[in-house]
Amino acid sequence: MAPKSRLILFFASIPVVAFTLIGGYLGRVSAGEDTYRHLRIFEDVVSLISNNYVEEVELETVIQGALRGLAEGLDSDSAYLSREDVNRIESGRPLPEGNIGLTVTRRYYIQAVAADDGSPAAKAGILPGDFIRAIDDEPTRFMSAVEGQRRLHGEPGSSVSLSLVRGSTQEPYDIELTRERRDDSSVSGRLLDNQGIGYVRIPEFSGDAVGQLSETVRSLTDAGAEHLIIDIRNTSRGSYEASVDAARLFVSTGTLVIRKEQGEKETPLEAASGASVISTPLTLLLNFGSSGPAEVFAAALAEPKRATTVGQRTSGRAGRQKLIRLPDGTGLWVSFVRYLKASGEAIHLSGVEPEVPVELDLPELGEPLPVEDRILEKAVEQIRESIAAAA
């Protein structure tokens, strides 16, 4: 490798070394000797690319690609961030108020996790798992989830164009959505029929969600509900603290979930021992859009068999990320906390598998969504069967 290239590589490799020190893959190898061996291999690969690739190579581009790959190899929400995103996060500057109500992650491209109830994204029929190939004609192949979320925000009334792919579709489906200013959503509930089944919708674990949940459940049970269906499909926003507190409304003893931090530190999050809890039988509705705090809530109720879970596996995004600034102004957005089930099994990366799975046939992009709700129908069917069996 030429001296100039070596000098460029040295400065470009500083973020790699920083990544090593903060606990990425290179920092997890068993011995210091192995660490240097991996770094030497990295240098050899860059040298081989520089000297053998058919086109002239921009070393900075190669290094940035390597850093993206290192971060993506951890989980879908860890990322190598641009200077722009680092500066915005460090400044504490909020995103513009206008948005389309879509939570995203990254799996090869930007991927939709959940569309908020009544949001432009939901009205457009965007479903959990849909891939966003481009935002405003900008390909998302090398875009972090942080950047993707930022690009979806803007001034209320402004528009954003998306190029979507669903399932095995080859041709993208292009749509344009208008951003809206959206407020926190409230917990709601209703009686489904005259058989004593109450339905509760938790759109997010934010604000006073725990108090709203308690009040909604009390209202339904006073009205005659003897079994509750709690719907946390497409619920991806809120705080982990609120989701654990919500689970404490229904579980009186034992460990709900475990918070695991870097360095193998584990903190069991316990039920509110001795507190008066809601004893009404529960069924939880899940799908891929049940993400983050919703997954913790689901695991806390499913693990002790406090609730029957119906639907689809959740997204496996039960972790917290923090920013680590690198010397060149870019940064690493890495998961430093993840949540485990009380049994010690991972929620982060693995998700929560429903006890009663429901397969869905998804329509093509642009076609209307089915009117029937097969997951809800299956839950009601299960409840009626259990009532009949107990009679």
Protein backbone atom coordinates (compact mmCIF):
# COMPACT_ATOMS: atom_id res chain seq x y z
CA MET A 1 0.00 0.00 0.00
CA ALA A 2 1.31 3.44 -0.88
CA PRO A 3 2.37 5.75 1.98
CA LYS A 4 -0.41 8.19 1.15
CA SER A 5 -2.99 5.42 1.22
CA ARG A 6 -1.61 4.18 4.53
CA LEU A 7 -1.94 7.67 6.00
CA ILE A 8 -5.53 7.92 4.80
CA LEU A 9 -6.25 4.48 6.17
CA PHE A 10 -4.74 5.40 9.54
CA PHE A 11 -7.01 8.39 10.03
CA ALA A 12 -10.01 6.62 8.55
CA SER A 13 -9.44 3.67 10.87
CA ILE A 14 -9.70 5.76 14.04
CA PRO A 15 -13.47 5.17 14.23
CA VAL A 16 -12.87 1.45 13.84
CA VAL A 17 -10.50 1.44 16.81
CA ALA A 18 -13.02 3.50 18.79
CA PHE A 19 -15.69 0.96 17.94
CA THR A 20 -13.39 -1.77 19.17
CA LEU A 21 -12.94 -0.06 22.51
CA ILE A 22 -16.65 0.49 23.14
CA GLY A 23 -17.62 -3.11 22.84
CA GLY A 24 -18.39 -3.94 19.21
CA TYR A 25 -17.43 -7.19 17.63
CA LEU A 26 -13.69 -6.54 17.66
CA GLY A 27 -13.86 -5.68 21.35
CA ARG A 28 -15.51 -8.98 22.15
CA VAL A 29 -12.74 -11.25 20.89
CA SER A 30 -11.09 -13.38 23.53
CA ALA A 31 -7.61 -11.82 23.67
CA GLY A 32 -5.67 -8.72 22.72
CA GLU A 33 -3.61 -10.71 20.23
CA ASP A 34 -6.78 -11.60 18.34
CA THR A 35 -7.83 -7.95 18.31
CA TYR A 36 -4.65 -6.91 16.50
CA ARG A 37 -5.00 -9.87 14.16
CA HIS A 38 -8.45 -8.70 13.13
CA LEU A 39 -7.21 -5.16 12.64
CA ARG A 40 -4.37 -6.44 10.47
CA ILE A 41 -6.87 -8.42 8.41
CA PHE A 42 -8.96 -5.28 8.06
CA GLU A 43 -5.94 -3.35 6.78
CA ASP A 44 -5.05 -6.18 4.40
CA VAL A 45 -8.58 -6.21 2.97
CA VAL A 46 -8.54 -2.46 2.38
CA SER A 47 -5.13 -2.78 0.75
CA LEU A 48 -6.28 -5.61 -1.52
CA ILE A 49 -9.37 -3.66 -2.57
CA SER A 50 -7.31 -0.53 -3.20
CA ASN A 51 -4.77 -2.39 -5.34
CA ASN A 52 -7.02 -4.81 -7.20
CA TYR A 53 -10.48 -3.32 -7.68
CA VAL A 54 -11.27 -2.43 -11.30
CA GLU A 55 -12.08 1.22 -10.49
CA GLU A 56 -10.09 3.71 -8.45
CA VAL A 57 -11.20 3.35 -4.85
CA GLU A 58 -12.17 6.18 -2.51
CA LEU A 59 -10.81 4.87 0.78
CA GLU A 60 -13.17 7.01 2.83
CA THR A 61 -16.13 5.41 1.07
CA VAL A 62 -14.75 1.93 1.74
CA ILE A 63 -14.17 2.69 5.43
CA GLN A 64 -17.66 4.15 5.86
CA GLY A 65 -19.12 1.03 4.29
CA ALA A 66 -17.13 -1.10 6.72
CA LEU A 67 -18.34 0.94 9.69
CA ARG A 68 -21.95 0.64 8.56
CA GLY A 69 -21.49 -3.11 8.29
CA LEU A 70 -19.97 -3.35 11.78
CA ALA A 71 -22.89 -1.50 13.33
CA GLU A 72 -25.56 -3.32 11.31
CA GLY A 73 -24.05 -6.63 12.42
CA LEU A 74 -25.09 -5.87 16.01
CA ASP A 75 -28.84 -5.37 15.57
CA SER A 76 -31.33 -3.54 13.36
CA ASP A 77 -31.26 -0.33 15.41
CA SER A 78 -27.52 0.08 15.96
CA ALA A 79 -26.02 2.29 13.27
CA TYR A 80 -23.10 4.36 12.06
CA LEU A 81 -24.40 7.94 11.99
CA SER A 82 -23.58 10.90 9.83
CA ARG A 83 -22.30 14.18 11.28
CA GLU A 84 -25.73 15.73 10.67
CA ASP A 85 -27.54 13.14 12.79
CA VAL A 86 -24.86 13.27 15.50
CA ASN A 87 -25.15 17.05 15.75
CA ARG A 88 -28.96 16.90 15.93
CA ILE A 89 -28.96 14.26 18.68
CA GLU A 90 -26.26 16.01 20.72
CA SER A 91 -28.02 19.36 20.48
CA GLY A 92 -31.28 17.85 21.75
CA ARG A 93 -33.06 19.53 18.86
CA PRO A 94 -36.40 17.75 18.29
CA LEU A 95 -37.51 16.57 14.89
CA PRO A 96 -40.04 18.77 13.06
CA GLU A 97 -43.58 18.29 14.32
CA GLY A 98 -44.97 17.05 11.02
CA ASN A 99 -44.75 13.31 10.41
CA ILE A 100 -46.61 10.44 8.75
CA GLY A 101 -46.91 8.38 11.94
CA LEU A 102 -44.52 5.61 10.94
CA THR A 103 -41.90 3.87 13.11
CA VAL A 104 -39.05 2.36 11.10
CA THR A 105 -36.06 0.12 11.58
CA ARG A 106 -33.40 -1.16 9.22
CA ARG A 107 -33.14 -4.60 7.61
CA TYR A 108 -31.10 -4.17 4.41
CA TYR A 109 -33.38 -1.21 3.61
CA ILE A 110 -35.49 1.00 5.83
CA GLN A 111 -38.38 -1.16 7.02
CA ALA A 112 -41.75 -0.15 8.41
CA VAL A 113 -42.36 -1.39 11.96
CA ALA A 114 -45.71 0.18 12.79
CA ALA A 115 -48.08 2.87 11.59
CA ASP A 116 -49.85 4.89 14.30
CA ASP A 117 -53.62 4.62 14.48
CA GLY A 118 -55.28 7.06 12.09
CA SER A 119 -51.96 8.36 10.75
CA PRO A 120 -51.24 9.13 7.07
CA ALA A 121 -49.13 5.95 6.95
CA ALA A 122 -51.99 3.84 8.34
CA LYS A 123 -54.55 5.41 5.99
CA ALA A 124 -52.23 4.64 3.07
CA GLY A 125 -52.23 0.96 4.04
CA ILE A 126 -48.55 0.68 5.03
CA LEU A 127 -48.14 -2.54 7.01
CA PRO A 128 -45.52 -3.81 9.46
CA GLY A 129 -42.68 -5.37 7.51
CA ASP A 130 -43.08 -3.29 4.34
CA PHE A 131 -39.74 -2.12 2.96
CA ILE A 132 -39.10 1.50 2.02
CA ARG A 133 -36.69 1.43 -0.90
CA ALA A 134 -36.49 5.22 -1.23
CA ILE A 135 -37.57 8.38 0.60
CA ASP A 136 -38.01 11.42 -1.63
CA ASP A 137 -36.11 9.53 -4.36
CA GLU A 138 -33.16 8.95 -2.01
CA PRO A 139 -32.35 5.20 -1.86
CA THR A 140 -32.38 3.78 1.67
CA ARG A 141 -29.87 1.00 1.04
CA PHE A 142 -27.18 2.76 3.08
CA MET A 143 -29.51 4.83 5.27
CA SER A 144 -29.64 4.26 9.04
CA ALA A 145 -32.97 3.94 10.83
CA VAL A 146 -32.14 7.22 12.60
CA GLU A 147 -31.71 9.01 9.28
CA GLY A 148 -34.78 7.33 7.83
CA GLN A 149 -36.92 8.49 10.76
CA ARG A 150 -35.53 12.01 10.39
CA ARG A 151 -36.35 12.14 6.68
CA LEU A 152 -39.96 11.14 7.35
CA HIS A 153 -40.43 14.24 9.52
CA GLY A 154 -40.98 17.76 8.25
CA GLU A 155 -43.26 20.73 8.60
CA PRO A 156 -46.97 19.90 8.98
CA GLY A 157 -48.59 20.07 5.55
CA SER A 158 -45.41 19.20 3.67
CA SER A 159 -45.25 16.00 1.64
CA VAL A 160 -42.89 13.05 1.47
CA SER A 161 -42.72 10.40 -1.24
CA LEU A 162 -42.05 6.74 -0.47
CA SER A 163 -41.12 3.84 -2.72
CA LEU A 164 -42.47 0.69 -1.05
CA VAL A 165 -41.99 -3.05 -1.53
CA ARG A 166 -44.08 -5.77 0.14
CA GLY A 167 -43.28 -9.46 0.24
CA SER A 168 -41.93 -10.79 -3.04
CA THR A 169 -43.11 -7.80 -5.07
CA GLN A 170 -40.51 -6.82 -7.66
CA GLU A 171 -41.77 -3.40 -8.73
CA PRO A 172 -41.89 -0.67 -6.04
CA TYR A 173 -45.16 1.03 -5.23
CA ASP A 174 -44.74 4.82 -5.08
CA ILE A 175 -46.94 7.00 -2.90
CA GLU A 176 -46.87 10.57 -1.61
CA LEU A 177 -48.07 11.36 1.90
CA THR A 178 -48.77 14.64 3.66
CA ARG A 179 -47.17 15.10 7.06
CA GLU A 180 -49.42 15.93 10.01
CA ARG A 181 -48.92 17.19 13.54
CA ARG A 182 -49.89 14.27 15.74
CA ASP A 183 -50.66 14.20 19.47
CA ASP A 184 -50.32 11.36 21.94
CA SER A 185 -53.07 8.78 21.54
CA SER A 186 -55.26 7.62 24.41
CA VAL A 187 -56.15 4.15 25.62
CA SER A 188 -59.69 3.24 24.56
CA GLY A 189 -62.09 0.38 25.19
CA ARG A 190 -65.48 -1.09 24.34
CA LEU A 191 -67.60 -4.17 24.92
CA LEU A 192 -67.44 -6.50 21.92
CA ASP A 193 -70.65 -8.47 22.45
CA ASN A 194 -73.09 -9.66 25.07
CA GLN A 195 -70.82 -12.48 26.19
CA GLY A 196 -68.78 -10.38 28.56
CA ILE A 197 -65.74 -9.68 26.35
CA GLY A 198 -64.11 -6.26 26.67
CA TYR A 199 -61.70 -4.86 24.07
CA VAL A 200 -58.89 -2.47 25.08
CA ARG A 201 -56.63 -0.68 22.63
CA ILE A 202 -53.23 0.63 23.83
CA PRO A 203 -51.79 2.73 20.96
CA GLU A 204 -48.66 3.74 22.87
CA PHE A 205 -47.06 3.54 26.31
CA SER A 206 -46.69 7.30 26.69
CA GLY A 207 -48.06 10.03 28.90
CA ASP A 208 -50.69 8.72 31.29
CA ALA A 209 -51.15 5.40 29.47
CA VAL A 210 -50.99 3.40 32.72
CA GLY A 211 -53.69 5.51 34.40
CA GLN A 212 -55.83 5.41 31.25
CA LEU A 213 -55.45 1.63 31.05
CA SER A 214 -56.50 1.17 34.66
CA GLU A 215 -59.52 3.42 34.22
CA THR A 216 -60.56 1.78 30.93
CA VAL A 217 -60.35 -1.72 32.39
CA ARG A 218 -62.34 -0.67 35.45
CA SER A 219 -65.03 0.85 33.25
CA LEU A 220 -65.33 -2.32 31.16
CA THR A 221 -65.45 -4.67 34.12
CA ASP A 222 -68.10 -2.48 35.76
CA ALA A 223 -70.07 -2.78 32.52
CA GLY A 224 -69.92 -6.58 32.71
CA ALA A 225 -66.68 -7.59 30.96
CA GLU A 226 -65.48 -10.93 32.32
CA HIS A 227 -62.63 -11.37 29.86
CA LEU A 228 -60.40 -8.68 28.35
CA ILE A 229 -58.69 -8.50 24.97
CA ILE A 230 -55.79 -6.03 25.01
CA ASP A 231 -54.65 -4.99 21.54
CA ILE A 232 -51.00 -3.90 21.25
CA ARG A 233 -50.65 -4.51 17.53
CA ASN A 234 -48.75 -1.70 15.82
CA THR A 235 -47.84 -0.28 19.23
CA SER A 236 -44.23 0.86 19.00
CA ARG A 237 -43.97 4.13 20.89
CA GLY A 238 -43.58 5.00 24.54
CA SER A 239 -41.32 4.23 27.47
CA TYR A 240 -40.19 0.92 28.91
CA GLU A 241 -40.94 2.20 32.41
CA ALA A 242 -44.58 2.78 31.47
CA SER A 243 -44.91 -0.67 29.90
CA VAL A 244 -43.54 -2.35 33.03
CA ASP A 245 -45.88 -0.28 35.22
CA ALA A 246 -48.77 -1.30 32.97
CA ALA A 247 -47.87 -4.97 33.45
CA ARG A 248 -47.87 -4.42 37.24
CA LEU A 249 -51.59 -3.67 37.00
CA PHE A 250 -52.15 -7.36 36.20
CA VAL A 251 -49.31 -9.28 37.91
CA SER A 252 -48.80 -9.16 41.69
CA THR A 253 -45.70 -11.28 42.29
CA GLY A 254 -42.49 -12.39 40.62
CA THR A 255 -40.09 -11.01 38.05
CA LEU A 256 -41.78 -9.38 35.07
CA VAL A 257 -38.75 -8.89 32.80
CA ILE A 258 -35.00 -8.45 33.18
CA ARG A 259 -33.07 -5.37 32.10
CA LYS A 260 -29.62 -6.36 30.90
CA GLU A 261 -26.86 -3.78 30.47
CA GLN A 262 -23.36 -3.87 29.05
CA GLY A 263 -21.00 -5.93 31.17
CA GLU A 264 -23.58 -8.65 31.91
CA LYS A 265 -25.28 -6.51 34.57
CA GLU A 266 -28.84 -7.77 35.02
CA THR A 267 -31.64 -6.05 36.94
CA PRO A 268 -34.87 -7.98 37.53
CA LEU A 269 -37.92 -5.73 37.27
CA GLU A 270 -40.41 -7.06 39.78
CA ALA A 271 -44.16 -6.95 40.09
CA ALA A 272 -45.63 -4.63 42.72
CA SER A 273 -45.72 -7.22 45.49
CA GLY A 274 -48.78 -6.96 47.69
CA ALA A 275 -50.52 -4.46 45.42
CA SER A 276 -54.13 -4.94 44.37
CA VAL A 277 -54.12 -6.18 40.79
CA ILE A 278 -56.69 -6.74 38.07
CA SER A 279 -57.55 -10.44 37.98
CA THR A 280 -59.79 -10.49 34.89
CA PRO A 281 -58.60 -13.12 32.32
CA LEU A 282 -56.54 -11.55 29.53
CA THR A 283 -55.80 -12.13 25.86
CA LEU A 284 -53.12 -10.07 24.08
CA LEU A 285 -53.14 -9.34 20.35
CA LEU A 286 -49.65 -9.16 18.81
CA ASN A 287 -48.03 -8.56 15.44
CA PHE A 288 -44.68 -7.47 14.01
CA GLY A 289 -45.66 -3.88 14.79
CA SER A 290 -45.72 -4.70 18.53
CA SER A 291 -42.33 -3.24 19.24
CA GLY A 292 -40.13 -2.00 22.07
CA PRO A 293 -42.20 -1.24 25.20
CA ALA A 294 -45.12 -3.24 23.81
CA GLU A 295 -42.91 -6.33 23.60
CA VAL A 296 -41.82 -5.90 27.21
CA PHE A 297 -45.46 -5.60 28.27
CA ALA A 298 -46.34 -8.74 26.29
CA ALA A 299 -43.43 -10.76 27.73
CA ALA A 300 -44.28 -9.67 31.28
CA LEU A 301 -47.82 -11.03 30.91
CA ALA A 302 -47.14 -14.06 28.71
CA GLU A 303 -44.23 -15.52 30.68
CA PRO A 304 -46.20 -16.18 33.91
CA LYS A 305 -49.19 -17.33 31.81
CA ARG A 306 -51.13 -14.29 32.96
CA ALA A 307 -52.36 -13.72 29.39
CA THR A 308 -52.89 -15.77 26.25
CA THR A 309 -51.10 -14.24 23.26
CA VAL A 310 -52.69 -14.38 19.80
CA GLY A 311 -51.37 -13.15 16.47
CA GLN A 312 -47.86 -12.90 15.07
CA ARG A 313 -44.31 -12.70 16.40
CA THR A 314 -43.27 -9.25 17.57
CA SER A 315 -40.39 -7.31 16.01
CA GLY A 316 -37.63 -8.04 18.55
CA ARG A 317 -36.60 -4.43 19.16
CA ALA A 318 -36.60 -4.38 22.97
CA GLY A 319 -33.42 -2.40 23.49
CA ARG A 320 -32.16 1.10 24.19
CA GLN A 321 -29.57 2.94 22.18
CA LYS A 322 -27.05 5.64 23.03
CA LEU A 323 -24.80 7.88 20.97
CA ILE A 324 -21.02 7.59 20.99
CA ARG A 325 -19.35 10.42 19.10
CA LEU A 326 -16.29 9.55 17.02
CA PRO A 327 -13.27 11.84 16.50
CA ASP A 328 -14.28 12.85 12.96
CA GLY A 329 -17.75 14.05 14.05
CA THR A 330 -19.62 10.94 12.95
CA GLY A 331 -20.99 8.59 15.58
CA LEU A 332 -22.14 5.17 16.64
CA TRP A 333 -25.71 4.58 17.73
CA VAL A 334 -25.46 1.35 19.73
CA SER A 335 -27.77 -0.71 21.89
CA PHE A 336 -26.47 -0.61 25.45
CA VAL A 337 -29.53 -2.08 27.18
CA ARG A 338 -31.72 -4.99 26.17
CA TYR A 339 -34.67 -6.69 27.83
CA LEU A 340 -35.06 -10.36 28.63
CA LYS A 341 -38.03 -12.47 29.63
CA ALA A 342 -38.17 -13.50 33.28
CA SER A 343 -36.79 -16.88 32.18
CA GLY A 344 -33.67 -15.17 30.82
CA GLU A 345 -34.62 -15.64 27.17
CA ALA A 346 -34.01 -12.64 24.93
CA ILE A 347 -36.79 -10.36 23.76
CA HIS A 348 -34.40 -8.09 21.86
CA LEU A 349 -33.62 -9.66 18.44
CA SER A 350 -35.92 -12.62 19.18
CA GLY A 351 -39.32 -11.04 19.84
CA VAL A 352 -42.31 -12.65 21.55
CA GLU A 353 -43.83 -15.66 19.80
CA PRO A 354 -47.63 -15.86 20.22
CA GLU A 355 -49.14 -18.88 21.91
CA VAL A 356 -51.86 -18.92 19.23
CA PRO A 357 -50.31 -17.98 15.87
CA VAL A 358 -52.47 -16.54 13.09
CA GLU A 359 -51.40 -16.55 9.44
CA LEU A 360 -52.47 -13.59 7.32
CA ASP A 361 -52.70 -13.20 3.56
CA LEU A 362 -51.41 -9.73 2.75
CA PRO A 363 -52.88 -7.79 -0.18
CA GLU A 364 -50.66 -6.27 -2.84
CA LEU A 365 -49.51 -2.72 -2.25
CA GLY A 366 -52.18 -0.30 -3.38
CA GLU A 367 -55.02 -2.77 -2.84
CA PRO A 368 -57.51 -2.24 0.02
CA LEU A 369 -56.77 -3.96 3.31
CA PRO A 370 -59.14 -6.78 4.36
CA VAL A 371 -62.24 -5.67 6.25
CA GLU A 372 -62.18 -8.70 8.55
CA ASP A 373 -59.76 -8.80 11.48
CA ARG A 374 -58.63 -12.42 11.62
CA ILE A 375 -56.43 -11.98 14.69
CA LEU A 376 -59.24 -10.41 16.71
CA GLU A 377 -61.69 -13.01 15.43
CA LYS A 378 -59.33 -15.81 16.48
CA ALA A 379 -58.98 -14.30 19.95
CA VAL A 380 -62.76 -14.09 20.40
CA GLU A 381 -63.09 -17.68 19.17
CA GLN A 382 -60.50 -18.86 21.72
CA ILE A 383 -62.26 -17.04 24.55
CA ARG A 384 -65.67 -18.47 23.64
CA GLU A 385 -64.19 -21.97 23.52
CA SER A 386 -62.64 -21.54 26.97
CA ILE A 387 -65.93 -20.23 28.37
CA ALA A 388 -67.81 -23.17 26.86
CA ALA A 389 -65.28 -25.66 28.23
CA ALA A 390 -65.58 -24.19 31.72
CA ALA A 391 -69.40 -24.27 31.66
